[in-house]
Every structure is written in C-alpha cells, then in structure tokens.
Amino acid sequence: MAKKFSELRNKMSPEARARSDARYKELVQEMPLQELRQARKLTQAQLAETMHMTQAAVSKVERHTDMYLSTLKHFVEAMGGDLDVRAVFPDGEIKIKQFKELTPTAGQ
C-alpha cells in the first residue's frame, strides 16, 4: 500500500530532510517551458489566447530547444513573468540589458 509523503518525510533525519529540501529548491529553479506553464496553472489554450496565437503554436514553442529571445520573452510575459538574461562567470554575474527592448512576433 502506498504511503503518504508526509509520513515518509516525518521518518527522515533532519539531515536527510535538509538534503531533500535543497534538491527540491534546485529542481524548481530549472524547468522546461511546458512544466513552467503547468506550474503556473495555465493551459496551452489560455496561453495561446494571451499570446494571440493558436494552441498548436504554443505546443510547438514548448517543444523547441532553440528559439528567438523575443519568443521566449513573449512566452514568459504571457505567463505573468519577466525574462532576465544574465551572463554567469566564476566571479559573478552580469545582467544583459541589450535584449530589454525586444518586440515579439507571434508564432516565432
């Protein structure tokens, strides 16, 4: 019989819980667009309406591994977010401001 996660978690040591929490935080910081949309409780149809495109076009964007920054920016903004492009180096990170004025084209 399946056990509730809360029961299993209660049996974990504090160290194991801390490792589990840290791993969870890592995983929710990185996710594909489809999972991000689902986590925001949006359907492809809802997003398509906001973005003035078809549901099929939203599905296509979610499957792309390479796209224009303007398309990604439009997708994120349609979910209520803001796209932030950064360059990460061993000694710090820099926000790239060049892409701030991107104008998205529907269906890109």
PDB file of N, CA and C in Angstrom:
ATOM      1  N   MET A   1       0.844  -1.184   0.000  1.00  0.00           N
ATOM      2  CA  MET A   1       0.000   0.000   0.000  1.00  0.00           C
ATOM      3  C   MET A   1       0.888   1.247   0.000  1.00  0.00           C
ATOM      4  N   ALA A   2       0.496   2.245  -0.772  1.00  0.00           N
ATOM      5  CA  ALA A   2       1.260   3.490  -0.871  1.00  0.00           C
ATOM      6  C   ALA A   2       1.158   4.281   0.430  1.00  0.00           C
ATOM      7  N   LYS A   3       2.274   4.922   0.760  1.00  0.00           N
ATOM      8  CA  LYS A   3       2.297   5.756   1.952  1.00  0.00           C
ATOM      9  C   LYS A   3       2.273   7.223   1.543  1.00  0.00           C
ATOM     10  N   LYS A   4       1.747   8.043   2.419  1.00  0.00           N
ATOM     11  CA  LYS A   4       1.750   9.478   2.174  1.00  0.00           C
ATOM     12  C   LYS A   4       3.175   9.996   2.309  1.00  0.00           C
ATOM     13  N   PHE A   5       3.510  10.978   1.479  1.00  0.00           N
ATOM     14  CA  PHE A   5       4.843  11.551   1.535  1.00  0.00           C
ATOM     15  C   PHE A   5       5.108  12.161   2.908  1.00  0.00           C
ATOM     16  N   SER A   6       4.092  12.767   3.503  1.00  0.00           N
ATOM     17  CA  SER A   6       4.273  13.392   4.822  1.00  0.00           C
ATOM     18  C   SER A   6       4.697  12.365   5.866  1.00  0.00           C
ATOM     19  N   GLU A   7       4.189  11.133   5.765  1.00  0.00           N
ATOM     20  CA  GLU A   7       4.585  10.076   6.701  1.00  0.00           C
ATOM     21  C   GLU A   7       6.050   9.697   6.493  1.00  0.00           C
ATOM     22  N   LEU A   8       6.447   9.565   5.243  1.00  0.00           N
ATOM     23  CA  LEU A   8       7.835   9.227   4.941  1.00  0.00           C
ATOM     24  C   LEU A   8       8.760  10.359   5.383  1.00  0.00           C
ATOM     25  N   ARG A   9       8.345  11.586   5.127  1.00  0.00           N
ATOM     26  CA  ARG A   9       9.164  12.739   5.491  1.00  0.00           C
ATOM     27  C   ARG A   9       9.361  12.823   7.004  1.00  0.00           C
ATOM     28  N   ASN A  10       8.320  12.500   7.751  1.00  0.00           N
ATOM     29  CA  ASN A  10       8.419  12.541   9.217  1.00  0.00           C
ATOM     30  C   ASN A  10       9.428  11.530   9.752  1.00  0.00           C
ATOM     31  N   LYS A  11       9.667  10.467   8.999  1.00  0.00           N
ATOM     32  CA  LYS A  11      10.624   9.438   9.424  1.00  0.00           C
ATOM     33  C   LYS A  11      12.065   9.781   9.024  1.00  0.00           C
ATOM     34  N   MET A  12      12.233  10.813   8.197  1.00  0.00           N
ATOM     35  CA  MET A  12      13.572  11.188   7.729  1.00  0.00           C
ATOM     36  C   MET A  12      14.339  11.925   8.822  1.00  0.00           C
ATOM     37  N   SER A  13      15.655  11.760   8.794  1.00  0.00           N
ATOM     38  CA  SER A  13      16.501  12.508   9.724  1.00  0.00           C
ATOM     39  C   SER A  13      16.504  13.981   9.307  1.00  0.00           C
ATOM     40  N   PRO A  14      16.842  14.891  10.221  1.00  0.00           N
ATOM     41  CA  PRO A  14      16.925  16.309   9.842  1.00  0.00           C
ATOM     42  C   PRO A  14      17.898  16.552   8.680  1.00  0.00           C
ATOM     43  N   GLU A  15      19.004  15.782   8.651  1.00  0.00           N
ATOM     44  CA  GLU A  15      19.976  15.934   7.561  1.00  0.00           C
ATOM     45  C   GLU A  15      19.371  15.502   6.233  1.00  0.00           C
ATOM     46  N   ALA A  16      18.642  14.393   6.239  1.00  0.00           N
ATOM     47  CA  ALA A  16      18.006  13.900   5.017  1.00  0.00           C
ATOM     48  C   ALA A  16      16.942  14.879   4.543  1.00  0.00           C
ATOM     49  N   ARG A  17      16.181  15.458   5.474  1.00  0.00           N
ATOM     50  CA  ARG A  17      15.172  16.454   5.111  1.00  0.00           C
ATOM     51  C   ARG A  17      15.834  17.690   4.491  1.00  0.00           C
ATOM     52  N   ALA A  18      16.941  18.101   5.063  1.00  0.00           N
ATOM     53  CA  ALA A  18      17.656  19.272   4.532  1.00  0.00           C
ATOM     54  C   ALA A  18      18.155  19.002   3.117  1.00  0.00           C
ATOM     55  N   ARG A  19      18.700  17.797   2.874  1.00  0.00           N
ATOM     56  CA  ARG A  19      19.163  17.435   1.528  1.00  0.00           C
ATOM     57  C   ARG A  19      17.982  17.392   0.559  1.00  0.00           C
ATOM     58  N   SER A  20      16.867  16.833   1.005  1.00  0.00           N
ATOM     59  CA  SER A  20      15.674  16.754   0.177  1.00  0.00           C
ATOM     60  C   SER A  20      15.156  18.145  -0.171  1.00  0.00           C
ATOM     61  N   ASP A  21      15.119  19.029   0.816  1.00  0.00           N
ATOM     62  CA  ASP A  21      14.659  20.401   0.586  1.00  0.00           C
ATOM     63  C   ASP A  21      15.578  21.135  -0.383  1.00  0.00           C
ATOM     64  N   ALA A  22      16.886  20.945  -0.225  1.00  0.00           N
ATOM     65  CA  ALA A  22      17.850  21.599  -1.110  1.00  0.00           C
ATOM     66  C   ALA A  22      17.680  21.112  -2.540  1.00  0.00           C
ATOM     67  N   ARG A  23      17.500  19.823  -2.712  1.00  0.00           N
ATOM     68  CA  ARG A  23      17.318  19.248  -4.049  1.00  0.00           C
ATOM     69  C   ARG A  23      16.017  19.754  -4.678  1.00  0.00           C
ATOM     70  N   TYR A  24      14.963  19.835  -3.873  1.00  0.00           N
ATOM     71  CA  TYR A  24      13.690  20.353  -4.359  1.00  0.00           C
ATOM     72  C   TYR A  24      13.865  21.787  -4.864  1.00  0.00           C
ATOM     73  N   LYS A  25      14.566  22.620  -4.096  1.00  0.00           N
ATOM     74  CA  LYS A  25      14.786  24.013  -4.497  1.00  0.00           C
ATOM     75  C   LYS A  25      15.568  24.092  -5.799  1.00  0.00           C
ATOM     76  N   GLU A  26      16.538  23.193  -5.982  1.00  0.00           N
ATOM     77  CA  GLU A  26      17.293  23.149  -7.235  1.00  0.00           C
ATOM     78  C   GLU A  26      16.371  22.819  -8.405  1.00  0.00           C
ATOM     79  N   LEU A  27      15.531  21.809  -8.207  1.00  0.00           N
ATOM     80  CA  LEU A  27      14.671  21.345  -9.294  1.00  0.00           C
ATOM     81  C   LEU A  27      13.637  22.379  -9.698  1.00  0.00           C
ATOM     82  N   VAL A  28      13.081  23.118  -8.744  1.00  0.00           N
ATOM     83  CA  VAL A  28      12.065  24.103  -9.121  1.00  0.00           C
ATOM     84  C   VAL A  28      12.682  25.368  -9.688  1.00  0.00           C
ATOM     85  N   GLN A  29      13.986  25.519  -9.616  1.00  0.00           N
ATOM     86  CA  GLN A  29      14.659  26.660 -10.215  1.00  0.00           C
ATOM     87  C   GLN A  29      14.940  26.431 -11.693  1.00  0.00           C
ATOM     88  N   GLU A  30      14.829  25.190 -12.149  1.00  0.00           N
ATOM     89  CA  GLU A  30      15.085  24.840 -13.543  1.00  0.00           C
ATOM     90  C   GLU A  30      13.958  23.952 -14.041  1.00  0.00           C
ATOM     91  N   MET A  31      13.293  24.386 -15.105  1.00  0.00           N
ATOM     92  CA  MET A  31      12.265  23.533 -15.690  1.00  0.00           C
ATOM     93  C   MET A  31      11.988  23.956 -17.117  1.00  0.00           C
ATOM     94  N   PRO A  32      11.557  23.006 -17.926  1.00  0.00           N
ATOM     95  CA  PRO A  32      11.184  23.327 -19.303  1.00  0.00           C
ATOM     96  C   PRO A  32       9.943  24.223 -19.319  1.00  0.00           C
ATOM     97  N   LEU A  33       9.699  24.903 -20.440  1.00  0.00           N
ATOM     98  CA  LEU A  33       8.565  25.813 -20.558  1.00  0.00           C
ATOM     99  C   LEU A  33       7.229  25.125 -20.268  1.00  0.00           C
ATOM    100  N   GLN A  34       7.069  23.897 -20.741  1.00  0.00           N
ATOM    101  CA  GLN A  34       5.806  23.191 -20.508  1.00  0.00           C
ATOM    102  C   GLN A  34       5.551  23.016 -19.013  1.00  0.00           C
ATOM    103  N   GLU A  35       6.575  22.607 -18.270  1.00  0.00           N
ATOM    104  CA  GLU A  35       6.415  22.432 -16.831  1.00  0.00           C
ATOM    105  C   GLU A  35       6.187  23.771 -16.135  1.00  0.00           C
ATOM    106  N   LEU A  36       6.844  24.813 -16.620  1.00  0.00           N
ATOM    107  CA  LEU A  36       6.646  26.142 -16.053  1.00  0.00           C
ATOM    108  C   LEU A  36       5.195  26.582 -16.245  1.00  0.00           C
ATOM    109  N   ARG A  37       4.683  26.384 -17.450  1.00  0.00           N
ATOM    110  CA  ARG A  37       3.288  26.741 -17.731  1.00  0.00           C
ATOM    111  C   ARG A  37       2.344  25.961 -16.813  1.00  0.00           C
ATOM    112  N   GLN A  38       2.593  24.665 -16.667  1.00  0.00           N
ATOM    113  CA  GLN A  38       1.748  23.834 -15.811  1.00  0.00           C
ATOM    114  C   GLN A  38       1.854  24.262 -14.348  1.00  0.00           C
ATOM    115  N   ALA A  39       3.053  24.622 -13.905  1.00  0.00           N
ATOM    116  CA  ALA A  39       3.245  25.078 -12.529  1.00  0.00           C
ATOM    117  C   ALA A  39       2.503  26.389 -12.290  1.00  0.00           C
ATOM    118  N   ARG A  40       2.341  27.195 -13.337  1.00  0.00           N
ATOM    119  CA  ARG A  40       1.598  28.452 -13.231  1.00  0.00           C
ATOM    120  C   ARG A  40       0.098  28.214 -13.396  1.00  0.00           C
ATOM    121  N   LYS A  41      -0.289  26.935 -13.540  1.00  0.00           N
ATOM    122  CA  LYS A  41      -1.701  26.526 -13.678  1.00  0.00           C
ATOM    123  C   LYS A  41      -2.373  27.165 -14.899  1.00  0.00           C
ATOM    124  N   LEU A  42      -1.641  27.130 -16.010  1.00  0.00           N
ATOM    125  CA  LEU A  42      -2.163  27.641 -17.272  1.00  0.00           C
ATOM    126  C   LEU A  42      -2.244  26.516 -18.286  1.00  0.00           C
ATOM    127  N   THR A  43      -3.268  26.541 -19.129  1.00  0.00           N
ATOM    128  CA  THR A  43      -3.364  25.580 -20.225  1.00  0.00           C
ATOM    129  C   THR A  43      -2.718  26.192 -21.461  1.00  0.00           C
ATOM    130  N   GLN A  44      -2.425  25.348 -22.435  1.00  0.00           N
ATOM    131  CA  GLN A  44      -1.886  25.865 -23.690  1.00  0.00           C
ATOM    132  C   GLN A  44      -2.897  26.790 -24.348  1.00  0.00           C
ATOM    133  N   ALA A  45      -4.178  26.461 -24.246  1.00  0.00           N
ATOM    134  CA  ALA A  45      -5.227  27.294 -24.848  1.00  0.00           C
ATOM    135  C   ALA A  45      -5.278  28.675 -24.198  1.00  0.00           C
ATOM    136  N   GLN A  46      -5.158  28.730 -22.883  1.00  0.00           N
ATOM    137  CA  GLN A  46      -5.162  30.023 -22.187  1.00  0.00           C
ATOM    138  C   GLN A  46      -3.960  30.870 -22.620  1.00  0.00           C
ATOM    139  N   LEU A  47      -2.808  30.235 -22.684  1.00  0.00           N
ATOM    140  CA  LEU A  47      -1.598  30.945 -23.087  1.00  0.00           C
ATOM    141  C   LEU A  47      -1.703  31.398 -24.537  1.00  0.00           C
ATOM    142  N   ALA A  48      -2.256  30.546 -25.387  1.00  0.00           N
ATOM    143  CA  ALA A  48      -2.431  30.897 -26.802  1.00  0.00           C
ATOM    144  C   ALA A  48      -3.308  32.134 -26.953  1.00  0.00           C
ATOM    145  N   GLU A  49      -4.371  32.214 -26.173  1.00  0.00           N
ATOM    146  CA  GLU A  49      -5.256  33.378 -26.242  1.00  0.00           C
ATOM    147  C   GLU A  49      -4.511  34.649 -25.826  1.00  0.00           C
ATOM    148  N   THR A  50      -3.745  34.562 -24.758  1.00  0.00           N
ATOM    149  CA  THR A  50      -2.973  35.708 -24.273  1.00  0.00           C
ATOM    150  C   THR A  50      -1.938  36.139 -25.302  1.00  0.00           C
ATOM    151  N   MET A  51      -1.326  35.157 -25.970  1.00  0.00           N
ATOM    152  CA  MET A  51      -0.251  35.445 -26.918  1.00  0.00           C
ATOM    153  C   MET A  51      -0.767  35.708 -28.338  1.00  0.00           C
ATOM    154  N   HIS A  52      -2.086  35.607 -28.543  1.00  0.00           N
ATOM    155  CA  HIS A  52      -2.699  35.819 -29.862  1.00  0.00           C
ATOM    156  C   HIS A  52      -2.122  34.846 -30.892  1.00  0.00           C
ATOM    157  N   MET A  53      -2.098  33.582 -30.516  1.00  0.00           N
ATOM    158  CA  MET A  53      -1.650  32.526 -31.422  1.00  0.00           C
ATOM    159  C   MET A  53      -2.508  31.289 -31.177  1.00  0.00           C
ATOM    160  N   THR A  54      -2.278  30.252 -31.932  1.00  0.00           N
ATOM    161  CA  THR A  54      -3.051  29.025 -31.758  1.00  0.00           C
ATOM    162  C   THR A  54      -2.456  28.162 -30.649  1.00  0.00           C
ATOM    163  N   GLN A  55      -3.265  27.255 -30.157  1.00  0.00           N
ATOM    164  CA  GLN A  55      -2.786  26.301 -29.148  1.00  0.00           C
ATOM    165  C   GLN A  55      -1.671  25.461 -29.741  1.00  0.00           C
ATOM    166  N   ALA A  56      -1.772  25.104 -31.008  1.00  0.00           N
ATOM    167  CA  ALA A  56      -0.734  24.302 -31.669  1.00  0.00           C
ATOM    168  C   ALA A  56       0.596  25.057 -31.709  1.00  0.00           C
ATOM    169  N   ALA A  57       0.535  26.369 -31.911  1.00  0.00           N
ATOM    170  CA  ALA A  57       1.757  27.175 -31.934  1.00  0.00           C
ATOM    171  C   ALA A  57       2.411  27.210 -30.553  1.00  0.00           C
ATOM    172  N   VAL A  58       1.593  27.273 -29.486  1.00  0.00           N
ATOM    173  CA  VAL A  58       2.135  27.236 -28.121  1.00  0.00           C
ATOM    174  C   VAL A  58       2.816  25.897 -27.886  1.00  0.00           C
ATOM    175  N   SER A  59       2.172  24.820 -28.319  1.00  0.00           N
ATOM    176  CA  SER A  59       2.756  23.485 -28.181  1.00  0.00           C
ATOM    177  C   SER A  59       4.106  23.407 -28.899  1.00  0.00           C
ATOM    178  N   LYS A  60       4.168  23.990 -30.074  1.00  0.00           N
ATOM    179  CA  LYS A  60       5.405  23.981 -30.857  1.00  0.00           C
ATOM    180  C   LYS A  60       6.516  24.752 -30.134  1.00  0.00           C
ATOM    181  N   VAL A  61       6.183  25.918 -29.564  1.00  0.00           N
ATOM    182  CA  VAL A  61       7.172  26.703 -28.822  1.00  0.00           C
ATOM    183  C   VAL A  61       7.700  25.897 -27.642  1.00  0.00           C
ATOM    184  N   GLU A  62       6.797  25.211 -26.942  1.00  0.00           N
ATOM    185  CA  GLU A  62       7.207  24.423 -25.773  1.00  0.00           C
ATOM    186  C   GLU A  62       8.163  23.291 -26.138  1.00  0.00           C
ATOM    187  N   ARG A  63       8.061  22.781 -27.347  1.00  0.00           N
ATOM    188  CA  ARG A  63       8.926  21.668 -27.775  1.00  0.00           C
ATOM    189  C   ARG A  63      10.270  22.134 -28.324  1.00  0.00           C
ATOM    190  N   HIS A  64      10.370  23.411 -28.688  1.00  0.00           N
ATOM    191  CA  HIS A  64      11.620  23.937 -29.252  1.00  0.00           C
ATOM    192  C   HIS A  64      12.728  23.948 -28.212  1.00  0.00           C
ATOM    193  N   THR A  65      13.910  23.569 -28.644  1.00  0.00           N
ATOM    194  CA  THR A  65      15.085  23.676 -27.772  1.00  0.00           C
ATOM    195  C   THR A  65      15.923  24.886 -28.145  1.00  0.00           C
ATOM    196  N   ASP A  66      15.580  25.528 -29.266  1.00  0.00           N
ATOM    197  CA  ASP A  66      16.296  26.708 -29.741  1.00  0.00           C
ATOM    198  C   ASP A  66      15.259  27.681 -30.279  1.00  0.00           C
ATOM    199  N   MET A  67      15.252  28.918 -29.764  1.00  0.00           N
ATOM    200  CA  MET A  67      14.258  29.890 -30.215  1.00  0.00           C
ATOM    201  C   MET A  67      14.809  31.297 -30.068  1.00  0.00           C
ATOM    202  N   TYR A  68      14.120  32.236 -30.681  1.00  0.00           N
ATOM    203  CA  TYR A  68      14.474  33.645 -30.526  1.00  0.00           C
ATOM    204  C   TYR A  68      14.235  34.071 -29.082  1.00  0.00           C
ATOM    205  N   LEU A  69      15.077  34.976 -28.597  1.00  0.00           N
ATOM    206  CA  LEU A  69      14.854  35.527 -27.261  1.00  0.00           C
ATOM    207  C   LEU A  69      13.524  36.262 -27.200  1.00  0.00           C
ATOM    208  N   SER A  70      13.138  36.901 -28.283  1.00  0.00           N
ATOM    209  CA  SER A  70      11.865  37.626 -28.301  1.00  0.00           C
ATOM    210  C   SER A  70      10.686  36.673 -28.102  1.00  0.00           C
ATOM    211  N   THR A  71      10.779  35.468 -28.665  1.00  0.00           N
ATOM    212  CA  THR A  71       9.724  34.468 -28.489  1.00  0.00           C
ATOM    213  C   THR A  71       9.664  34.018 -27.039  1.00  0.00           C
ATOM    214  N   LEU A  72      10.816  33.736 -26.467  1.00  0.00           N
ATOM    215  CA  LEU A  72      10.876  33.312 -25.069  1.00  0.00           C
ATOM    216  C   LEU A  72      10.370  34.424 -24.154  1.00  0.00           C
ATOM    217  N   LYS A  73      10.764  35.664 -24.438  1.00  0.00           N
ATOM    218  CA  LYS A  73      10.318  36.811 -23.639  1.00  0.00           C
ATOM    219  C   LYS A  73       8.798  36.925 -23.687  1.00  0.00           C
ATOM    220  N   HIS A  74       8.221  36.825 -24.867  1.00  0.00           N
ATOM    221  CA  HIS A  74       6.770  36.909 -25.040  1.00  0.00           C
ATOM    222  C   HIS A  74       6.073  35.770 -24.285  1.00  0.00           C
ATOM    223  N   PHE A  75       6.621  34.582 -24.363  1.00  0.00           N
ATOM    224  CA  PHE A  75       6.057  33.406 -23.690  1.00  0.00           C
ATOM    225  C   PHE A  75       6.044  33.621 -22.178  1.00  0.00           C
ATOM    226  N   VAL A  76       7.172  34.064 -21.630  1.00  0.00           N
ATOM    227  CA  VAL A  76       7.285  34.280 -20.182  1.00  0.00           C
ATOM    228  C   VAL A  76       6.362  35.417 -19.736  1.00  0.00           C
ATOM    229  N   GLU A  77       6.311  36.493 -20.510  1.00  0.00           N
ATOM    230  CA  GLU A  77       5.441  37.613 -20.152  1.00  0.00           C
ATOM    231  C   GLU A  77       3.968  37.221 -20.202  1.00  0.00           C
ATOM    232  N   ALA A  78       3.595  36.341 -21.127  1.00  0.00           N
ATOM    233  CA  ALA A  78       2.209  35.873 -21.210  1.00  0.00           C
ATOM    234  C   ALA A  78       1.815  35.067 -19.971  1.00  0.00           C
ATOM    235  N   MET A  79       2.808  34.502 -19.278  1.00  0.00           N
ATOM    236  CA  MET A  79       2.547  33.773 -18.037  1.00  0.00           C
ATOM    237  C   MET A  79       2.615  34.695 -16.817  1.00  0.00           C
ATOM    238  N   GLY A  80       2.866  35.989 -17.056  1.00  0.00           N
ATOM    239  CA  GLY A  80       2.916  36.943 -15.963  1.00  0.00           C
ATOM    240  C   GLY A  80       4.306  37.213 -15.430  1.00  0.00           C
ATOM    241  N   GLY A  81       5.326  36.730 -16.129  1.00  0.00           N
ATOM    242  CA  GLY A  81       6.700  36.908 -15.665  1.00  0.00           C
ATOM    243  C   GLY A  81       7.467  37.915 -16.496  1.00  0.00           C
ATOM    244  N   ASP A  82       8.749  37.989 -16.232  1.00  0.00           N
ATOM    245  CA  ASP A  82       9.652  38.876 -16.952  1.00  0.00           C
ATOM    246  C   ASP A  82      10.935  38.102 -17.236  1.00  0.00           C
ATOM    247  N   LEU A  83      11.396  38.126 -18.463  1.00  0.00           N
ATOM    248  CA  LEU A  83      12.619  37.412 -18.830  1.00  0.00           C
ATOM    249  C   LEU A  83      13.833  38.246 -18.469  1.00  0.00           C
ATOM    250  N   ASP A  84      14.787  37.620 -17.804  1.00  0.00           N
ATOM    251  CA  ASP A  84      16.017  38.273 -17.381  1.00  0.00           C
ATOM    252  C   ASP A  84      17.182  37.473 -17.961  1.00  0.00           C
ATOM    253  N   VAL A  85      17.985  38.098 -18.847  1.00  0.00           N
ATOM    254  CA  VAL A  85      19.115  37.408 -19.466  1.00  0.00           C
ATOM    255  C   VAL A  85      20.384  37.801 -18.710  1.00  0.00           C
ATOM    256  N   ARG A  86      21.116  36.792 -18.224  1.00  0.00           N
ATOM    257  CA  ARG A  86      22.326  37.030 -17.441  1.00  0.00           C
ATOM    258  C   ARG A  86      23.473  36.209 -17.988  1.00  0.00           C
ATOM    259  N   ALA A  87      24.671  36.747 -17.830  1.00  0.00           N
ATOM    260  CA  ALA A  87      25.899  36.001 -18.113  1.00  0.00           C
ATOM    261  C   ALA A  87      26.495  35.649 -16.752  1.00  0.00           C
ATOM    262  N   VAL A  88      26.775  34.366 -16.532  1.00  0.00           N
ATOM    263  CA  VAL A  88      27.274  33.910 -15.240  1.00  0.00           C
ATOM    264  C   VAL A  88      28.737  33.498 -15.381  1.00  0.00           C
ATOM    265  N   PHE A  89      29.596  34.101 -14.552  1.00  0.00           N
ATOM    266  CA  PHE A  89      31.022  33.836 -14.548  1.00  0.00           C
ATOM    267  C   PHE A  89      31.427  33.336 -13.161  1.00  0.00           C
ATOM    268  N   PRO A  90      32.598  32.718 -13.031  1.00  0.00           N
ATOM    269  CA  PRO A  90      33.032  32.250 -11.708  1.00  0.00           C
ATOM    270  C   PRO A  90      33.095  33.368 -10.664  1.00  0.00           C
ATOM    271  N   ASP A  91      33.367  34.600 -11.110  1.00  0.00           N
ATOM    272  CA  ASP A  91      33.488  35.697 -10.144  1.00  0.00           C
ATOM    273  C   ASP A  91      32.237  36.567 -10.049  1.00  0.00           C
ATOM    274  N   GLY A  92      31.152  36.135 -10.643  1.00  0.00           N
ATOM    275  CA  GLY A  92      29.907  36.883 -10.525  1.00  0.00           C
ATOM    276  C   GLY A  92      29.054  36.781 -11.768  1.00  0.00           C
ATOM    277  N   GLU A  93      27.975  37.531 -11.773  1.00  0.00           N
ATOM    278  CA  GLU A  93      27.076  37.510 -12.916  1.00  0.00           C
ATOM    279  C   GLU A  93      26.737  38.930 -13.350  1.00  0.00           C
ATOM    280  N   ILE A  94      26.395  39.054 -14.636  1.00  0.00           N
ATOM    281  CA  ILE A  94      26.070  40.340 -15.229  1.00  0.00           C
ATOM    282  C   ILE A  94      24.737  40.214 -15.951  1.00  0.00           C
ATOM    283  N   LYS A  95      23.830  41.158 -15.696  1.00  0.00           N
ATOM    284  CA  LYS A  95      22.558  41.186 -16.416  1.00  0.00           C
ATOM    285  C   LYS A  95      22.806  41.814 -17.790  1.00  0.00           C
ATOM    286  N   ILE A  96      22.352  41.152 -18.835  1.00  0.00           N
ATOM    287  CA  ILE A  96      22.490  41.647 -20.194  1.00  0.00           C
ATOM    288  C   ILE A  96      21.266  42.510 -20.500  1.00  0.00           C
ATOM    289  N   LYS A  97      21.479  43.802 -20.721  1.00  0.00           N
ATOM    290  CA  LYS A  97      20.377  44.739 -20.924  1.00  0.00           C
ATOM    291  C   LYS A  97      20.030  44.940 -22.396  1.00  0.00           C
ATOM    292  N   GLN A  98      20.849  44.453 -23.286  1.00  0.00           N
ATOM    293  CA  GLN A  98      20.667  44.643 -24.719  1.00  0.00           C
ATOM    294  C   GLN A  98      19.306  44.145 -25.201  1.00  0.00           C
ATOM    295  N   PHE A  99      18.750  43.137 -24.545  1.00  0.00           N
ATOM    296  CA  PHE A  99      17.533  42.483 -25.015  1.00  0.00           C
ATOM    297  C   PHE A  99      16.265  43.062 -24.395  1.00  0.00           C
ATOM    298  N   LYS A 100      16.394  44.132 -23.663  1.00  0.00           N
ATOM    299  CA  LYS A 100      15.257  44.709 -22.940  1.00  0.00           C
ATOM    300  C   LYS A 100      14.155  45.187 -23.886  1.00  0.00           C
ATOM    301  N   GLU A 101      14.510  45.689 -25.049  1.00  0.00           N
ATOM    302  CA  GLU A 101      13.536  46.286 -25.957  1.00  0.00           C
ATOM    303  C   GLU A 101      13.074  45.332 -27.060  1.00  0.00           C
ATOM    304  N   LEU A 102      13.153  44.033 -26.833  1.00  0.00           N
ATOM    305  CA  LEU A 102      12.735  43.075 -27.857  1.00  0.00           C
ATOM    306  C   LEU A 102      11.241  43.194 -28.128  1.00  0.00           C
ATOM    307  N   THR A 103      10.880  43.153 -29.393  1.00  0.00           N
ATOM    308  CA  THR A 103       9.480  43.161 -29.772  1.00  0.00           C
ATOM    309  C   THR A 103       9.157  41.789 -30.350  1.00  0.00           C
ATOM    310  N   PRO A 104       8.278  41.018 -29.672  1.00  0.00           N
ATOM    311  CA  PRO A 104       7.988  39.664 -30.135  1.00  0.00           C
ATOM    312  C   PRO A 104       7.131  39.658 -31.391  1.00  0.00           C
ATOM    313  N   THR A 105       7.328  38.630 -32.179  1.00  0.00           N
ATOM    314  CA  THR A 105       6.491  38.384 -33.348  1.00  0.00           C
ATOM    315  C   THR A 105       5.710  37.111 -33.068  1.00  0.00           C
ATOM    316  N   ALA A 106       4.404  37.154 -33.192  1.00  0.00           N
ATOM    317  CA  ALA A 106       3.567  35.989 -32.907  1.00  0.00           C
ATOM    318  C   ALA A 106       3.993  34.803 -33.741  1.00  0.00           C
ATOM    319  N   GLY A 107       4.107  33.648 -33.080  1.00  0.00           N
ATOM    320  CA  GLY A 107       4.425  32.404 -33.770  1.00  0.00           C
ATOM    321  C   GLY A 107       5.888  32.146 -33.992  1.00  0.00           C
ATOM    322  N   GLN A 108       6.779  33.028 -33.509  1.00  0.00           N
ATOM    323  CA  GLN A 108       8.216  32.796 -33.715  1.00  0.00           C
ATOM    324  C   GLN A 108       8.678  31.599 -32.960  1.00  0.00           C
TER     325      GLN A 108
END
